[in-house]
């Protein structure tokens, strides 16, 4: 006799639950892949793609011929050349270590890594981009190679190496700059040093630096000024009276939820949809960036608590656009990219009016991300000794962080400053991005690390699992120990 009760009720309930789980899982997976599928189904501006080198054709995303065009020499923004991508995927998927780690994560943590070689979440395929121009002078980043692949670290009860992390954790590149020299740089999945990678919310830290420069230049009188002093369009909205400081510290009290599993409740996803509708309906449907930001309601008093809110840096970018009478891309170019001596242009996604979605969607080369980290490590001075940002603002941004923010990996505390997180150690700080993109800086060790990747995962119920890569914290600490700190 079955122990499941009369009439098979329990088996039916179990089958129904399993069916609901499968539907939920595929629903979430479909949501993640929807953005990518649009690359073959939706028209977009040619600006959504860029050549892999000056002679390569631009690839517009407008038909199923996109991949064929890419294979013939064109290239989508944030995706390696197709032959390199295929070779990198073959190298990764052929290693037992990759699948051993995949099974470990599934069995031990109910975390199913999406086995792919590119970022599956790509709103940038149906929205345009603006170029952040680099200048004529490139600041030095001298190379002094140190083999770090065999550096070991402890994570999740296992002993692993930096090489393992590169191969089995959906990592695209790792770079370390020690004492001002690029000591190690590794690539996977077809990536190389000349490609611009999606940085996701690492973008927010660039917004913070640009705000600091405007403050240094006295374009902003005080961080305690209300944001509507500089953006009059925010009068009579939920933003009115909210201080720049509270916006920087993610304490604005404005509603934003990018963790919601139901897409209609996910503010970030709905912004993408609104921007796309606005673009392809010529303004008849959806909203542009500014009107979407104006529409957000207040849910609590400003300053009451930390709440991660990607509307905050977008409002700050809007303020900078008005202060400089330029697009945000041009602000970044004139105030950061050219003065820092970046080696290549970067790109940032915009709406159809050219307003930057400045909470995310910055595409930049790994060495330029490292240059930015090095400027912060050196208190606002670039590798040529030129002051870009005041030491006072760097310190205020990255030290004395307020608690109450969610933890970052296995960092000892979840502190947050002006769009910067506390890093893997109490004396480090980092820019964090979706899917495990990081610029991590530890001034006491004269060390900057950059990790770029595309870690996307689900649990067995179909919910998004950890979309970061907290293992990076253990990697960074182990490398810092191997390299041995600052010179005496």
Protein backbone atom coordinates (compact mmCIF):
# COMPACT_ATOMS: atom_id res chain seq x y z
CA UNK A 1 0.00 0.00 0.00
CA UNK A 2 1.26 3.40 -0.88
CA UNK A 3 2.08 5.75 1.97
CA UNK A 4 0.98 8.71 -0.10
CA UNK A 5 -2.61 8.64 1.09
CA UNK A 6 -5.93 7.83 -0.55
CA UNK A 7 -6.60 8.70 -4.11
CA UNK A 8 -2.97 9.46 -4.88
CA UNK A 9 -3.40 13.04 -3.64
CA UNK A 10 0.19 13.44 -2.58
CA UNK A 11 1.66 12.21 -5.87
CA UNK A 12 -0.64 14.60 -7.75
CA UNK A 13 0.39 17.48 -5.50
CA UNK A 14 4.04 16.61 -6.00
CA UNK A 15 3.55 16.46 -9.77
CA UNK A 16 1.77 19.81 -9.73
CA UNK A 17 4.55 21.36 -7.63
CA UNK A 18 7.17 19.96 -9.96
CA UNK A 19 5.28 21.32 -12.95
CA UNK A 20 5.06 24.76 -11.34
CA UNK A 21 8.79 24.65 -10.63
CA UNK A 22 9.56 23.76 -14.26
CA UNK A 23 7.31 26.55 -15.52
CA UNK A 24 8.92 29.04 -13.16
CA UNK A 25 12.42 27.94 -14.14
CA UNK A 26 11.73 28.26 -17.83
CA UNK A 27 9.91 31.54 -17.27
CA UNK A 28 12.96 33.08 -15.59
CA UNK A 29 15.32 31.61 -18.18
CA UNK A 30 13.14 32.96 -20.98
CA UNK A 31 13.20 36.39 -19.37
CA UNK A 32 16.99 36.42 -19.30
CA UNK A 33 17.28 35.23 -22.88
CA UNK A 34 14.57 37.57 -24.22
CA UNK A 35 16.94 40.50 -24.44
CA UNK A 36 19.47 38.44 -26.36
CA UNK A 37 16.90 37.02 -28.77
CA UNK A 38 15.86 40.56 -29.70
CA UNK A 39 19.26 40.89 -31.36
CA UNK A 40 17.96 38.74 -34.20
CA UNK A 41 14.37 39.98 -34.24
CA UNK A 42 14.34 43.73 -33.61
CA UNK A 43 15.70 46.66 -35.61
CA UNK A 44 18.16 48.96 -33.95
CA UNK A 45 20.56 51.77 -34.67
CA UNK A 46 23.91 50.93 -36.19
CA UNK A 47 25.34 52.49 -33.04
CA UNK A 48 24.43 49.30 -31.17
CA UNK A 49 27.38 47.63 -32.87
CA UNK A 50 30.93 48.63 -33.57
CA UNK A 51 33.80 47.28 -35.64
CA UNK A 52 36.38 44.95 -34.18
CA UNK A 53 39.04 47.01 -35.94
CA UNK A 54 38.94 50.13 -38.12
CA UNK A 55 38.52 48.17 -41.35
CA UNK A 56 35.76 45.86 -40.13
CA UNK A 57 32.16 46.44 -41.22
CA UNK A 58 29.64 47.69 -38.71
CA UNK A 59 26.94 45.18 -37.88
CA UNK A 60 23.43 46.45 -37.32
CA UNK A 61 21.11 44.21 -35.38
CA UNK A 62 18.19 43.84 -37.70
CA UNK A 63 17.92 40.31 -39.01
CA UNK A 64 18.93 36.71 -38.53
CA UNK A 65 21.97 37.49 -40.69
CA UNK A 66 23.64 39.22 -37.75
CA UNK A 67 25.69 36.23 -36.67
CA UNK A 68 26.75 35.53 -40.24
CA UNK A 69 27.86 39.15 -40.61
CA UNK A 70 29.78 38.89 -37.35
CA UNK A 71 31.49 35.74 -38.57
CA UNK A 72 32.56 37.64 -41.68
CA UNK A 73 34.40 40.26 -39.67
CA UNK A 74 31.83 42.50 -38.03
CA UNK A 75 31.27 42.46 -34.30
CA UNK A 76 28.55 43.26 -31.81
CA UNK A 77 29.37 45.47 -28.87
CA UNK A 78 30.31 43.40 -25.82
CA UNK A 79 30.78 40.16 -27.75
CA UNK A 80 34.16 38.80 -28.91
CA UNK A 81 34.67 38.01 -32.60
CA UNK A 82 32.68 34.89 -33.41
CA UNK A 83 35.67 32.64 -34.27
CA UNK A 84 37.36 33.59 -30.99
CA UNK A 85 34.10 33.07 -29.11
CA UNK A 86 33.65 29.57 -30.52
CA UNK A 87 37.26 28.61 -29.79
CA UNK A 88 37.00 29.92 -26.24
CA UNK A 89 33.76 28.03 -25.60
CA UNK A 90 35.27 24.82 -26.93
CA UNK A 91 38.29 25.19 -24.66
CA UNK A 92 36.11 25.80 -21.59
CA UNK A 93 33.48 23.14 -22.14
CA UNK A 94 36.08 20.48 -22.91
CA UNK A 95 37.66 20.69 -19.44
CA UNK A 96 36.46 18.34 -16.68
CA UNK A 97 37.15 21.09 -14.11
CA UNK A 98 34.39 23.25 -15.57
CA UNK A 99 31.77 20.52 -15.27
CA UNK A 100 33.02 19.39 -11.86
CA UNK A 101 32.46 22.92 -10.59
CA UNK A 102 29.06 23.11 -12.33
CA UNK A 103 27.90 19.92 -10.58
CA UNK A 104 29.32 21.11 -7.23
CA UNK A 105 27.37 24.37 -7.42
CA UNK A 106 24.19 22.54 -8.39
CA UNK A 107 24.38 19.88 -5.67
CA UNK A 108 25.79 21.95 -2.82
CA UNK A 109 24.11 25.29 -3.41
CA UNK A 110 21.12 24.67 -5.68
CA UNK A 111 22.79 27.06 -8.09
CA UNK A 112 22.72 26.24 -11.79
CA UNK A 113 25.23 28.28 -13.77
CA UNK A 114 24.04 29.10 -17.25
CA UNK A 115 26.68 27.35 -19.39
CA UNK A 116 27.40 29.98 -22.01
CA UNK A 117 30.29 32.11 -23.18
CA UNK A 118 28.62 35.50 -23.52
CA UNK A 119 26.47 37.70 -21.34
CA UNK A 120 22.87 36.49 -21.94
CA UNK A 121 21.30 39.75 -20.71
CA UNK A 122 21.77 42.32 -23.46
CA UNK A 123 19.37 45.27 -23.54
CA UNK A 124 22.11 46.99 -25.52
CA UNK A 125 21.15 45.05 -28.64
CA UNK A 126 17.97 47.10 -29.11
CA UNK A 127 19.01 50.46 -27.65
CA UNK A 128 21.67 52.85 -29.02
CA UNK A 129 25.06 53.75 -27.57
CA UNK A 130 27.19 56.86 -27.40
CA UNK A 131 30.96 56.78 -27.74
CA UNK A 132 33.12 58.03 -24.87
CA UNK A 133 36.06 59.36 -26.82
CA UNK A 134 39.64 58.82 -25.69
CA UNK A 135 42.29 61.49 -26.09
CA UNK A 136 45.56 61.56 -28.03
CA UNK A 137 47.73 60.70 -25.01
CA UNK A 138 47.71 57.29 -23.35
CA UNK A 139 48.89 57.07 -19.76
CA UNK A 140 51.48 54.36 -19.15
CA UNK A 141 50.62 50.99 -17.68
CA UNK A 142 54.00 49.22 -17.66
CA UNK A 143 54.08 45.43 -17.70
CA UNK A 144 56.06 43.32 -15.20
CA UNK A 145 54.74 39.75 -15.59
CA UNK A 146 54.25 37.49 -12.59
CA UNK A 147 52.70 34.04 -13.06
CA UNK A 148 49.72 33.92 -10.69
CA UNK A 149 47.82 30.98 -12.17
CA UNK A 150 49.03 28.57 -9.47
CA UNK A 151 48.15 30.87 -6.53
CA UNK A 152 45.89 28.84 -4.24
CA UNK A 153 42.96 29.99 -2.14
CA UNK A 154 40.27 28.43 0.02
CA UNK A 155 36.68 28.79 -1.07
CA UNK A 156 33.56 26.83 -0.17
CA UNK A 157 35.58 24.13 1.56
CA UNK A 158 37.82 23.55 -1.45
CA UNK A 159 41.36 24.48 -2.40
CA UNK A 160 41.40 26.14 -5.80
CA UNK A 161 43.82 28.11 -7.97
CA UNK A 162 43.54 31.33 -9.93
CA UNK A 163 43.67 29.14 -13.03
CA UNK A 164 40.62 27.25 -11.80
CA UNK A 165 38.76 30.51 -11.25
CA UNK A 166 39.54 31.56 -14.81
CA UNK A 167 38.34 28.25 -16.23
CA UNK A 168 35.28 27.26 -14.23
CA UNK A 169 33.59 30.43 -12.90
CA UNK A 170 32.37 32.09 -16.15
CA UNK A 171 35.30 34.53 -15.98
CA UNK A 172 36.19 36.43 -19.16
CA UNK A 173 39.29 38.24 -17.93
CA UNK A 174 41.35 38.92 -14.82
CA UNK A 175 43.92 41.73 -14.47
CA UNK A 176 46.15 42.72 -11.56
CA UNK A 177 48.14 45.95 -11.27
CA UNK A 178 50.70 45.92 -8.44
CA UNK A 179 52.87 48.89 -7.55
CA UNK A 180 51.67 50.59 -10.73
CA UNK A 181 52.64 47.71 -13.04
CA UNK A 182 50.42 45.26 -14.85
CA UNK A 183 51.70 42.00 -13.38
CA UNK A 184 49.10 39.54 -14.65
CA UNK A 185 46.32 39.44 -17.21
CA UNK A 186 44.40 36.36 -18.28
CA UNK A 187 41.55 35.86 -20.75
CA UNK A 188 38.94 33.21 -21.50
CA UNK A 189 35.86 32.75 -23.70
CA UNK A 190 37.46 34.47 -26.68
CA UNK A 191 38.15 37.78 -24.93
CA UNK A 192 41.35 39.79 -25.36
CA UNK A 193 42.78 43.10 -24.17
CA UNK A 194 41.43 45.07 -27.15
CA UNK A 195 37.76 44.26 -26.52
CA UNK A 196 35.32 46.50 -24.64
CA UNK A 197 33.51 44.43 -22.00
CA UNK A 198 30.16 45.20 -20.39
CA UNK A 199 30.88 46.47 -16.87
CA UNK A 200 27.28 46.61 -15.62
CA UNK A 201 27.00 48.48 -12.29
CA UNK A 202 30.72 49.21 -12.18
CA UNK A 203 29.39 52.15 -14.23
CA UNK A 204 27.98 53.66 -11.03
CA UNK A 205 31.47 54.29 -9.65
CA UNK A 206 32.36 56.29 -12.78
CA UNK A 207 29.24 58.39 -12.20
CA UNK A 208 30.43 59.03 -8.64
CA UNK A 209 33.85 60.16 -9.83
CA UNK A 210 32.27 62.54 -12.33
CA UNK A 211 30.11 64.00 -9.55
CA UNK A 212 33.28 64.48 -7.48
CA UNK A 213 34.96 66.33 -10.33
CA UNK A 214 31.94 68.62 -10.70
CA UNK A 215 32.12 69.25 -6.95
CA UNK A 216 35.85 70.00 -7.19
CA UNK A 217 35.11 72.45 -10.01
CA UNK A 218 32.40 74.10 -7.87
CA UNK A 219 29.72 73.36 -10.40
CA UNK A 220 28.01 71.69 -7.43
CA UNK A 221 27.96 73.92 -4.37
CA UNK A 222 27.37 71.17 -1.82
CA UNK A 223 26.47 67.47 -1.73
CA UNK A 224 23.74 68.48 0.69
CA UNK A 225 21.98 70.50 -2.00
CA UNK A 226 18.66 69.06 -3.21
CA UNK A 227 18.89 67.43 -6.62
CA UNK A 228 16.07 69.63 -7.97
CA UNK A 229 18.31 72.68 -7.52
CA UNK A 230 20.23 71.38 -10.55
CA UNK A 231 17.36 69.57 -12.30
CA UNK A 232 14.28 71.81 -12.10
CA UNK A 233 12.29 69.14 -13.96
CA UNK A 234 12.33 67.15 -10.72
CA UNK A 235 10.31 69.79 -8.86
CA UNK A 236 6.92 68.41 -7.83
CA UNK A 237 8.16 64.82 -8.18
CA UNK A 238 9.17 62.30 -5.52
CA UNK A 239 12.76 63.46 -5.98
CA UNK A 240 12.12 67.03 -4.81
CA UNK A 241 14.26 67.87 -1.80
CA UNK A 242 16.38 64.71 -2.01
CA UNK A 243 20.04 65.55 -1.41
CA UNK A 244 22.86 64.61 -3.73
CA UNK A 245 24.58 62.92 -0.78
CA UNK A 246 21.62 60.64 -0.07
CA UNK A 247 21.43 59.79 -3.76
CA UNK A 248 25.14 58.93 -3.84
CA UNK A 249 24.77 56.73 -0.75
CA UNK A 250 21.70 54.86 -2.08
CA UNK A 251 19.48 56.41 0.59
CA UNK A 252 17.15 58.42 -1.62
CA UNK A 253 13.98 56.59 -0.55
CA UNK A 254 12.83 56.39 -4.20
CA UNK A 255 11.23 53.11 -5.28
CA UNK A 256 13.40 50.74 -7.26
CA UNK A 257 13.37 46.93 -7.24
CA UNK A 258 15.66 45.02 -9.56
CA UNK A 259 15.50 41.80 -7.50
CA UNK A 260 11.81 41.11 -8.22
CA UNK A 261 11.29 37.76 -9.91
CA UNK A 262 8.01 38.88 -11.53
CA UNK A 263 9.13 41.02 -14.41
CA UNK A 264 6.26 43.49 -14.14
CA UNK A 265 7.55 44.29 -10.63
CA UNK A 266 11.18 44.54 -11.69
CA UNK A 267 11.92 48.24 -12.10
CA UNK A 268 15.10 47.68 -14.11
CA UNK A 269 13.50 45.37 -16.63
CA UNK A 270 10.51 47.69 -17.00
CA UNK A 271 12.83 50.61 -17.69
CA UNK A 272 14.43 48.69 -20.54
CA UNK A 273 10.99 47.88 -21.93
CA UNK A 274 9.86 51.50 -21.67
CA UNK A 275 12.99 52.80 -23.39
CA UNK A 276 12.62 50.24 -26.16
CA UNK A 277 8.94 51.02 -26.70
CA UNK A 278 9.71 54.74 -26.76
CA UNK A 279 12.40 54.27 -29.37
CA UNK A 280 10.53 51.96 -31.75
CA UNK A 281 7.19 53.79 -31.51
CA UNK A 282 8.83 57.18 -32.12
CA UNK A 283 7.71 58.34 -28.70
CA UNK A 284 4.11 57.17 -28.92
CA UNK A 285 4.61 54.37 -26.36
CA UNK A 286 6.82 53.91 -23.33
CA UNK A 287 8.95 56.64 -21.79
CA UNK A 288 12.38 58.14 -22.27
CA UNK A 289 14.90 58.02 -19.41
CA UNK A 290 14.01 61.35 -17.83
CA UNK A 291 10.28 60.76 -17.77
CA UNK A 292 10.77 57.25 -16.42
CA UNK A 293 12.87 58.66 -13.58
CA UNK A 294 10.31 61.40 -12.93
CA UNK A 295 7.56 58.78 -12.65
CA UNK A 296 9.16 56.83 -9.80
CA UNK A 297 7.39 57.15 -6.43
CA UNK A 298 8.84 57.65 -2.98
CA UNK A 299 8.52 54.69 -0.60
CA UNK A 300 10.28 56.04 2.50
CA UNK A 301 11.96 59.21 3.79
CA UNK A 302 15.36 60.01 2.33
CA UNK A 303 18.29 58.93 4.48
CA UNK A 304 16.21 56.35 6.36
CA UNK A 305 18.10 53.30 5.12
CA UNK A 306 20.24 51.88 2.36
CA UNK A 307 18.31 50.54 -0.62
CA UNK A 308 20.17 49.65 -3.81
CA UNK A 309 18.58 51.84 -6.46
CA UNK A 310 19.77 52.15 -10.05
CA UNK A 311 17.67 55.26 -10.53
CA UNK A 312 20.09 57.16 -8.29
CA UNK A 313 23.14 57.20 -10.61
CA UNK A 314 20.89 57.91 -13.59
CA UNK A 315 19.57 61.04 -11.87
CA UNK A 316 23.17 62.03 -11.06
CA UNK A 317 24.08 61.60 -14.73
CA UNK A 318 21.11 63.77 -15.68
CA UNK A 319 22.42 66.43 -13.30
CA UNK A 320 25.88 66.25 -14.90
CA UNK A 321 24.40 66.56 -18.38
CA UNK A 322 22.74 69.80 -17.31
CA UNK A 323 25.78 71.13 -15.44
CA UNK A 324 28.10 70.65 -18.41
CA UNK A 325 25.51 71.17 -21.19
CA UNK A 326 26.78 67.96 -22.74
CA UNK A 327 25.75 64.36 -23.13
CA UNK A 328 26.91 62.14 -20.28
CA UNK A 329 29.22 60.35 -22.73
CA UNK A 330 30.93 63.65 -23.51
CA UNK A 331 31.13 64.50 -19.80
CA UNK A 332 32.91 61.20 -19.15
CA UNK A 333 35.17 61.79 -22.16
CA UNK A 334 36.19 65.32 -21.18
CA UNK A 335 36.38 64.86 -17.42
CA UNK A 336 37.67 61.28 -17.08
CA UNK A 337 38.58 59.41 -20.26
CA UNK A 338 40.89 62.01 -21.80
CA UNK A 339 42.47 63.28 -18.55
CA UNK A 340 43.05 59.71 -17.35
CA UNK A 341 44.82 58.84 -20.60
CA UNK A 342 42.58 55.92 -21.49
CA UNK A 343 43.89 53.83 -24.36
CA UNK A 344 40.59 53.39 -26.26
CA UNK A 345 37.09 54.79 -26.50
CA UNK A 346 34.33 53.30 -24.39
CA UNK A 347 30.59 53.12 -25.02
CA UNK A 348 27.49 53.69 -22.90
CA UNK A 349 23.89 52.78 -23.66
CA UNK A 350 21.37 55.60 -24.06
CA UNK A 351 17.72 56.08 -24.80
CA UNK A 352 16.65 57.39 -28.20
CA UNK A 353 17.16 60.99 -27.04
CA UNK A 354 20.82 60.33 -26.17
CA UNK A 355 20.28 60.31 -22.38
CA UNK A 356 22.64 57.79 -20.77
CA UNK A 357 21.41 54.79 -18.80
CA UNK A 358 24.26 55.53 -16.43
CA UNK A 359 23.55 52.90 -13.80
CA UNK A 360 24.99 50.23 -16.12
CA UNK A 361 25.92 49.55 -19.72
CA UNK A 362 29.42 51.01 -19.77
CA UNK A 363 31.59 49.02 -22.17
CA UNK A 364 35.33 49.50 -21.69
CA UNK A 365 38.64 47.70 -22.11
CA UNK A 366 40.05 45.92 -19.04
CA UNK A 367 43.21 48.05 -18.99
CA UNK A 368 41.15 51.24 -18.94
CA UNK A 369 39.09 49.91 -16.04
CA UNK A 370 42.41 49.21 -14.31
CA UNK A 371 43.58 52.78 -15.00
CA UNK A 372 40.44 54.06 -13.31
CA UNK A 373 41.07 51.80 -10.30
CA UNK A 374 44.68 52.96 -10.13
CA UNK A 375 43.58 56.59 -10.13
CA UNK A 376 41.37 55.84 -7.12
CA UNK A 377 44.18 53.88 -5.43
CA UNK A 378 46.47 56.88 -5.81
CA UNK A 379 44.01 59.30 -4.26
CA UNK A 380 42.74 60.81 -7.50
CA UNK A 381 46.02 60.98 -9.46
CA UNK A 382 46.55 59.14 -12.77
CA UNK A 383 49.59 57.08 -13.73
CA UNK A 384 51.30 60.19 -15.15
CA UNK A 385 50.95 62.07 -11.86
CA UNK A 386 48.11 64.30 -13.06
CA UNK A 387 45.39 65.05 -10.51
CA UNK A 388 41.98 64.06 -11.83
CA UNK A 389 39.88 63.98 -8.66
CA UNK A 390 40.49 65.52 -5.24
CA UNK A 391 41.93 63.25 -2.57
CA UNK A 392 39.19 64.46 -0.22
CA UNK A 393 36.45 63.16 -2.51
CA UNK A 394 38.23 59.84 -3.05
CA UNK A 395 38.48 59.38 0.69
CA UNK A 396 34.86 60.36 1.29
CA UNK A 397 33.73 57.98 -1.46
CA UNK A 398 35.62 54.93 -0.30
CA UNK A 399 36.29 55.11 3.44
CA UNK A 400 34.08 55.52 6.49
CA UNK A 401 31.38 53.67 4.61
CA UNK A 402 27.93 53.53 6.13
CA UNK A 403 26.71 50.12 7.19
CA UNK A 404 23.38 48.57 6.31
CA UNK A 405 24.23 47.74 2.73
CA UNK A 406 23.93 44.15 1.62
CA UNK A 407 27.10 42.12 1.92
CA UNK A 408 29.47 41.91 -1.02
CA UNK A 409 30.63 38.36 -1.35
CA UNK A 410 32.44 37.35 1.80
CA UNK A 411 33.55 40.88 2.68
CA UNK A 412 33.74 41.37 6.45
CA UNK A 413 31.05 44.05 6.39
CA UNK A 414 28.55 45.40 3.92
CA UNK A 415 29.65 49.03 3.79
CA UNK A 416 28.74 51.47 1.03
CA UNK A 417 30.15 54.90 0.21
CA UNK A 418 29.50 57.14 -2.77
CA UNK A 419 28.67 54.40 -5.30
CA UNK A 420 31.58 52.27 -4.02
CA UNK A 421 31.33 49.08 -1.95
CA UNK A 422 33.63 47.89 0.78
CA UNK A 423 35.98 45.31 -0.73
CA UNK A 424 37.26 41.91 0.38
CA UNK A 425 39.20 43.41 3.31
CA UNK A 426 38.40 46.27 5.70
CA UNK A 427 40.95 48.51 3.96
CA UNK A 428 39.80 47.87 0.39
CA UNK A 429 36.95 49.14 -1.77
CA UNK A 430 35.45 48.08 -5.04
CA UNK A 431 33.09 48.85 -7.89
CA UNK A 432 30.62 45.98 -8.20
CA UNK A 433 28.68 44.93 -11.27
CA UNK A 434 26.01 42.38 -12.14
CA UNK A 435 27.32 38.92 -13.03
CA UNK A 436 30.53 39.40 -11.09
CA UNK A 437 32.22 42.40 -12.69
CA UNK A 438 34.60 44.15 -10.29
CA UNK A 439 37.28 46.79 -9.94
CA UNK A 440 38.84 46.03 -6.54
CA UNK A 441 41.36 48.38 -4.94
CA UNK A 442 43.50 47.84 -1.84
CA UNK A 443 45.77 50.88 -1.35
CA UNK A 444 47.61 49.32 1.60
CA UNK A 445 48.80 46.54 -0.73
CA UNK A 446 49.35 48.83 -3.76
CA UNK A 447 46.99 46.51 -5.64
CA UNK A 448 44.18 46.94 -8.15
CA UNK A 449 42.32 43.95 -9.57
CA UNK A 450 39.77 43.79 -12.39
CA UNK A 451 37.50 40.81 -12.90
CA UNK A 452 35.15 40.72 -15.89
CA UNK A 453 32.68 37.91 -16.40
CA UNK A 454 29.13 36.81 -17.10
CA UNK A 455 28.07 34.68 -14.13
CA UNK A 456 24.33 34.02 -14.57
CA UNK A 457 22.63 31.37 -12.44
CA UNK A 458 19.23 30.04 -11.37
CA UNK A 459 18.00 27.86 -8.55
CA UNK A 460 15.78 24.82 -9.02
CA UNK A 461 12.65 26.94 -8.54
CA UNK A 462 13.59 29.10 -11.50
CA UNK A 463 14.55 32.12 -9.42
CA UNK A 464 17.66 34.11 -10.14
CA UNK A 465 20.45 32.82 -7.91
CA UNK A 466 23.51 34.80 -6.88
CA UNK A 467 24.31 36.97 -9.89
CA UNK A 468 27.69 38.08 -8.59
CA UNK A 469 30.81 36.02 -8.08
CA UNK A 470 31.80 36.26 -4.39
CA UNK A 471 34.66 33.85 -5.05
CA UNK A 472 36.53 36.84 -6.45
CA UNK A 473 37.07 38.08 -2.88
CA UNK A 474 39.04 34.95 -2.00
CA UNK A 475 41.02 35.19 -5.24
CA UNK A 476 41.92 38.83 -4.61
CA UNK A 477 43.10 38.19 -1.05
CA UNK A 478 45.26 35.27 -2.13
CA UNK A 479 46.88 37.28 -4.92
CA UNK A 480 47.51 40.18 -2.52
CA UNK A 481 49.27 37.79 -0.15
CA UNK A 482 51.41 36.35 -2.97
CA UNK A 483 52.47 39.75 -4.33
CA UNK A 484 53.47 41.02 -0.91
CA UNK A 485 52.21 44.55 -0.58
CA UNK A 486 53.79 47.92 -1.27
CA UNK A 487 57.54 48.44 -1.69
CA UNK A 488 59.38 49.52 1.43
